[in-house]
């Protein structure tokens, strides 16, 4: 499988959300697209993408002692 690099990601969004992370909360959510999967579920090829979500769209649903283990990300 071809490995994606940071050059493959959207730098305009990365710069924007890096600033948001500095000033508040932001989530970086990696995902695969254009994937080819064989019968046993192994990924043969694909590309890595990243989505960015800022604080108003992050909803913690499970936590213990201040550590969040599950959350919901809302996309407009």
C-alpha atoms as a PDB file:
ATOM      1  CA  UNK A   1       0.000   0.000   0.000  1.00  0.00           C
ATOM      2  CA  UNK A   2       1.324   3.461  -0.894  1.00  0.00           C
ATOM      3  CA  UNK A   3       1.955   5.469   2.256  1.00  0.00           C
ATOM      4  CA  UNK A   4       0.386   8.910   2.384  1.00  0.00           C
ATOM      5  CA  UNK A   5       2.422  11.822   3.601  1.00  0.00           C
ATOM      6  CA  UNK A   6       1.516  15.132   5.148  1.00  0.00           C
ATOM      7  CA  UNK A   7       1.917  16.601   1.668  1.00  0.00           C
ATOM      8  CA  UNK A   8      -1.252  14.696   0.703  1.00  0.00           C
ATOM      9  CA  UNK A   9      -3.335  16.469   3.359  1.00  0.00           C
ATOM     10  CA  UNK A  10      -5.125  19.809   3.085  1.00  0.00           C
ATOM     11  CA  UNK A  11      -2.645  22.341   4.521  1.00  0.00           C
ATOM     12  CA  UNK A  12      -5.078  25.268   4.461  1.00  0.00           C
ATOM     13  CA  UNK A  13      -7.359  23.438   6.882  1.00  0.00           C
ATOM     14  CA  UNK A  14      -4.401  22.156   8.909  1.00  0.00           C
ATOM     15  CA  UNK A  15      -3.123  25.694   9.437  1.00  0.00           C
ATOM     16  CA  UNK A  16      -6.593  27.009  10.324  1.00  0.00           C
ATOM     17  CA  UNK A  17      -7.313  24.241  12.826  1.00  0.00           C
ATOM     18  CA  UNK A  18      -3.816  24.296  14.316  1.00  0.00           C
ATOM     19  CA  UNK A  19      -4.579  27.875  15.303  1.00  0.00           C
ATOM     20  CA  UNK A  20      -7.943  26.780  16.734  1.00  0.00           C
ATOM     21  CA  UNK A  21      -6.154  24.088  18.763  1.00  0.00           C
ATOM     22  CA  UNK A  22      -3.901  26.795  20.163  1.00  0.00           C
ATOM     23  CA  UNK A  23      -6.888  28.943  21.167  1.00  0.00           C
ATOM     24  CA  UNK A  24      -9.312  26.177  22.213  1.00  0.00           C
ATOM     25  CA  UNK A  25     -10.309  22.606  21.501  1.00  0.00           C
ATOM     26  CA  UNK A  26     -10.093  20.867  18.148  1.00  0.00           C
ATOM     27  CA  UNK A  27     -10.219  17.208  17.081  1.00  0.00           C
ATOM     28  CA  UNK A  28      -8.206  15.754  14.213  1.00  0.00           C
ATOM     29  CA  UNK A  29      -9.975  12.695  12.787  1.00  0.00           C
ATOM     30  CA  UNK A  30      -7.977  10.498  10.390  1.00  0.00           C
ATOM     31  CA  UNK A  31      -9.839   8.309   7.896  1.00  0.00           C
ATOM     32  CA  UNK A  32      -9.161   6.127   4.851  1.00  0.00           C
ATOM     33  CA  UNK A  33     -10.659   6.667   1.403  1.00  0.00           C
ATOM     34  CA  UNK A  34     -10.254   5.166  -2.074  1.00  0.00           C
ATOM     35  CA  UNK A  35      -9.543   1.902  -0.283  1.00  0.00           C
ATOM     36  CA  UNK A  36      -9.265  -1.570  -1.701  1.00  0.00           C
ATOM     37  CA  UNK A  37     -10.043  -4.328   0.801  1.00  0.00           C
ATOM     38  CA  UNK A  38      -9.671  -8.084   0.352  1.00  0.00           C
ATOM     39  CA  UNK A  39     -12.161 -10.719   1.564  1.00  0.00           C
ATOM     40  CA  UNK A  40     -10.681 -11.022   5.060  1.00  0.00           C
ATOM     41  CA  UNK A  41     -10.997  -7.262   5.639  1.00  0.00           C
ATOM     42  CA  UNK A  42      -7.318  -6.420   5.187  1.00  0.00           C
ATOM     43  CA  UNK A  43      -6.687  -3.061   3.531  1.00  0.00           C
ATOM     44  CA  UNK A  44      -4.677  -3.500   0.336  1.00  0.00           C
ATOM     45  CA  UNK A  45      -4.489   0.139  -0.724  1.00  0.00           C
ATOM     46  CA  UNK A  46      -5.980   3.506   0.102  1.00  0.00           C
ATOM     47  CA  UNK A  47      -5.348   7.124   0.942  1.00  0.00           C
ATOM     48  CA  UNK A  48      -5.320   8.826   4.319  1.00  0.00           C
ATOM     49  CA  UNK A  49      -7.465  11.899   4.866  1.00  0.00           C
ATOM     50  CA  UNK A  50      -8.060  14.056   7.904  1.00  0.00           C
ATOM     51  CA  UNK A  51     -11.119  15.943   9.100  1.00  0.00           C
ATOM     52  CA  UNK A  52     -11.021  18.777  11.598  1.00  0.00           C
ATOM     53  CA  UNK A  53     -13.760  19.489  14.141  1.00  0.00           C
ATOM     54  CA  UNK A  54     -13.789  22.439  16.544  1.00  0.00           C
ATOM     55  CA  UNK A  55     -15.101  22.513  20.121  1.00  0.00           C
ATOM     56  CA  UNK A  56     -18.792  23.344  19.531  1.00  0.00           C
ATOM     57  CA  UNK A  57     -19.080  20.166  17.422  1.00  0.00           C
ATOM     58  CA  UNK A  58     -17.396  17.754  19.873  1.00  0.00           C
ATOM     59  CA  UNK A  59     -19.688  15.972  22.326  1.00  0.00           C
ATOM     60  CA  UNK A  60     -18.128  13.726  25.009  1.00  0.00           C
ATOM     61  CA  UNK A  61     -20.393  10.758  25.822  1.00  0.00           C
ATOM     62  CA  UNK A  62     -18.226   8.531  28.032  1.00  0.00           C
ATOM     63  CA  UNK A  63     -15.635   9.657  30.568  1.00  0.00           C
ATOM     64  CA  UNK A  64     -14.114   8.691  33.899  1.00  0.00           C
ATOM     65  CA  UNK A  65     -12.028  10.893  36.172  1.00  0.00           C
ATOM     66  CA  UNK A  66     -11.706  13.545  33.471  1.00  0.00           C
ATOM     67  CA  UNK A  67     -10.523  11.137  30.766  1.00  0.00           C
ATOM     68  CA  UNK A  68     -12.862  11.018  27.755  1.00  0.00           C
ATOM     69  CA  UNK A  69     -13.020   7.600  26.106  1.00  0.00           C
ATOM     70  CA  UNK A  70     -15.868   8.168  23.618  1.00  0.00           C
ATOM     71  CA  UNK A  71     -17.260  11.225  21.893  1.00  0.00           C
ATOM     72  CA  UNK A  72     -19.455  12.240  18.986  1.00  0.00           C
ATOM     73  CA  UNK A  73     -18.203  14.535  16.231  1.00  0.00           C
ATOM     74  CA  UNK A  74     -20.870  16.570  14.416  1.00  0.00           C
ATOM     75  CA  UNK A  75     -20.201  17.706  10.865  1.00  0.00           C
ATOM     76  CA  UNK A  76     -22.234  20.512   9.310  1.00  0.00           C
END
